Amino acid sequence: MIPPALLIIGFGEQRRVRLPLPVFLLWPLILLGWICVAVAWPFTRGPGRAKVGGMLVALRCAHALRGLRIDIQGEDTNIYLSLI
């Protein structure tokens, strides 16, 4: 799975203002997290293994965000989030 590369935030009427944020700049940190989990997993036992497993779940959730779209419509403004 590939993590999201771009977060697009749109707000205002008819989403007139769109602001792309480069999430791909965080990919090295995600890769570092995967490496830490891969190294720590064989050496942990007991409660420590559950913590490493929690990190694994968090990293999988970060990868699953790709394609997420949120559209919030209010009376006077609209907000749109999209992870590409």
C-alpha atoms as a PDB file:
ATOM      1  CA  MET A   1       0.000   0.000   0.000  1.00  0.00           C
ATOM      2  CA  ILE A   2       1.161   3.512  -0.767  1.00  0.00           C
ATOM      3  CA  PRO A   3       0.425   6.267   1.767  1.00  0.00           C
ATOM      4  CA  PRO A   4      -1.358   9.431   0.597  1.00  0.00           C
ATOM      5  CA  ALA A   5       0.826  11.877  -1.324  1.00  0.00           C
ATOM      6  CA  LEU A   6      -1.250  15.058  -1.330  1.00  0.00           C
ATOM      7  CA  LEU A   7      -3.867  16.637   0.944  1.00  0.00           C
ATOM      8  CA  ILE A   8      -6.176  19.092  -0.792  1.00  0.00           C
ATOM      9  CA  ILE A   9      -8.114  21.486   1.413  1.00  0.00           C
ATOM     10  CA  GLY A  10     -10.862  23.546  -0.177  1.00  0.00           C
ATOM     11  CA  PHE A  11     -13.015  26.104   1.606  1.00  0.00           C
ATOM     12  CA  GLY A  12     -15.385  28.934   0.840  1.00  0.00           C
ATOM     13  CA  GLU A  13     -18.430  28.929  -1.368  1.00  0.00           C
ATOM     14  CA  GLN A  14     -18.147  26.446  -4.231  1.00  0.00           C
ATOM     15  CA  ARG A  15     -14.649  25.500  -2.954  1.00  0.00           C
ATOM     16  CA  ARG A  16     -13.100  28.595  -4.507  1.00  0.00           C
ATOM     17  CA  VAL A  17      -9.916  28.402  -2.454  1.00  0.00           C
ATOM     18  CA  ARG A  18      -8.008  25.118  -2.814  1.00  0.00           C
ATOM     19  CA  LEU A  19      -4.792  24.534  -0.921  1.00  0.00           C
ATOM     20  CA  PRO A  20      -2.676  21.459  -1.773  1.00  0.00           C
ATOM     21  CA  LEU A  21      -0.387  20.250   1.022  1.00  0.00           C
ATOM     22  CA  PRO A  22       2.416  17.807   0.131  1.00  0.00           C
ATOM     23  CA  VAL A  23       2.023  14.818   2.464  1.00  0.00           C
ATOM     24  CA  PHE A  24       4.694  12.903   0.528  1.00  0.00           C
ATOM     25  CA  LEU A  25       7.291  14.874   2.495  1.00  0.00           C
ATOM     26  CA  LEU A  26       6.289  12.751   5.526  1.00  0.00           C
ATOM     27  CA  TRP A  27       6.990   9.459   3.713  1.00  0.00           C
ATOM     28  CA  PRO A  28      10.545   9.141   5.117  1.00  0.00           C
ATOM     29  CA  LEU A  29       9.092   9.293   8.645  1.00  0.00           C
ATOM     30  CA  ILE A  30       6.574   6.568   7.773  1.00  0.00           C
ATOM     31  CA  LEU A  31       9.375   4.453   6.329  1.00  0.00           C
ATOM     32  CA  LEU A  32      11.387   4.978   9.506  1.00  0.00           C
ATOM     33  CA  GLY A  33       8.357   3.822  11.519  1.00  0.00           C
ATOM     34  CA  TRP A  34       8.085   0.630   9.451  1.00  0.00           C
ATOM     35  CA  ILE A  35      11.796  -0.064   9.954  1.00  0.00           C
ATOM     36  CA  CYS A  36      11.493   0.444  13.722  1.00  0.00           C
ATOM     37  CA  VAL A  37       8.564  -1.971  13.878  1.00  0.00           C
ATOM     38  CA  ALA A  38      10.382  -4.560  11.757  1.00  0.00           C
ATOM     39  CA  VAL A  39      13.481  -4.391  13.970  1.00  0.00           C
ATOM     40  CA  ALA A  40      11.660  -4.312  17.330  1.00  0.00           C
ATOM     41  CA  TRP A  41       9.038  -7.013  16.619  1.00  0.00           C
ATOM     42  CA  PRO A  42      11.261 -10.120  17.042  1.00  0.00           C
ATOM     43  CA  PHE A  43      12.883  -8.825  20.248  1.00  0.00           C
ATOM     44  CA  THR A  44       9.738  -7.875  22.187  1.00  0.00           C
ATOM     45  CA  ARG A  45       7.813 -10.160  24.499  1.00  0.00           C
ATOM     46  CA  GLY A  46       4.769  -9.698  26.708  1.00  0.00           C
ATOM     47  CA  PRO A  47       3.261  -6.190  27.014  1.00  0.00           C
ATOM     48  CA  GLY A  48       5.986  -4.658  24.829  1.00  0.00           C
ATOM     49  CA  ARG A  49       4.842  -6.764  21.899  1.00  0.00           C
ATOM     50  CA  ALA A  50       1.347  -5.265  22.183  1.00  0.00           C
ATOM     51  CA  LYS A  51       2.835  -1.758  21.974  1.00  0.00           C
ATOM     52  CA  VAL A  52       4.778  -2.639  18.842  1.00  0.00           C
ATOM     53  CA  GLY A  53       1.619  -4.213  17.426  1.00  0.00           C
ATOM     54  CA  GLY A  54      -0.194  -0.928  18.144  1.00  0.00           C
ATOM     55  CA  MET A  55       2.428   0.925  16.120  1.00  0.00           C
ATOM     56  CA  LEU A  56       1.835  -1.524  13.288  1.00  0.00           C
ATOM     57  CA  VAL A  57      -1.907  -0.822  13.368  1.00  0.00           C
ATOM     58  CA  ALA A  58      -1.273   2.951  13.384  1.00  0.00           C
ATOM     59  CA  LEU A  59       1.000   2.677  10.337  1.00  0.00           C
ATOM     60  CA  ARG A  60      -1.593   0.580   8.488  1.00  0.00           C
ATOM     61  CA  CYS A  61      -4.252   3.197   9.284  1.00  0.00           C
ATOM     62  CA  ALA A  62      -2.003   5.937   7.882  1.00  0.00           C
ATOM     63  CA  HIS A  63      -1.674   3.959   4.645  1.00  0.00           C
ATOM     64  CA  ALA A  64      -5.435   3.350   4.480  1.00  0.00           C
ATOM     65  CA  LEU A  65      -6.195   7.096   4.401  1.00  0.00           C
ATOM     66  CA  ARG A  66      -5.449   7.253   0.675  1.00  0.00           C
ATOM     67  CA  GLY A  67      -8.647   8.150  -1.192  1.00  0.00           C
ATOM     68  CA  LEU A  68     -10.420   9.623   1.858  1.00  0.00           C
ATOM     69  CA  ARG A  69     -12.774  12.516   1.074  1.00  0.00           C
ATOM     70  CA  ILE A  70     -14.553  14.699   3.615  1.00  0.00           C
ATOM     71  CA  ASP A  71     -17.098  17.325   2.566  1.00  0.00           C
ATOM     72  CA  ILE A  72     -18.577  19.517   5.325  1.00  0.00           C
ATOM     73  CA  GLN A  73     -21.314  21.912   4.301  1.00  0.00           C
ATOM     74  CA  GLY A  74     -22.476  24.685   6.632  1.00  0.00           C
ATOM     75  CA  GLU A  75     -24.888  27.548   6.230  1.00  0.00           C
ATOM     76  CA  ASP A  76     -22.232  30.106   5.332  1.00  0.00           C
ATOM     77  CA  THR A  77     -19.141  28.083   4.377  1.00  0.00           C
ATOM     78  CA  ASN A  78     -18.050  24.732   2.979  1.00  0.00           C
ATOM     79  CA  ILE A  79     -14.934  22.712   3.790  1.00  0.00           C
ATOM     80  CA  TYR A  80     -13.556  19.943   1.588  1.00  0.00           C
ATOM     81  CA  LEU A  81     -10.659  17.584   2.408  1.00  0.00           C
ATOM     82  CA  SER A  82      -9.249  15.013   0.008  1.00  0.00           C
ATOM     83  CA  LEU A  83      -6.241  12.713   0.412  1.00  0.00           C
ATOM     84  CA  ILE A  84      -4.757  11.654  -2.911  1.00  0.00           C
END
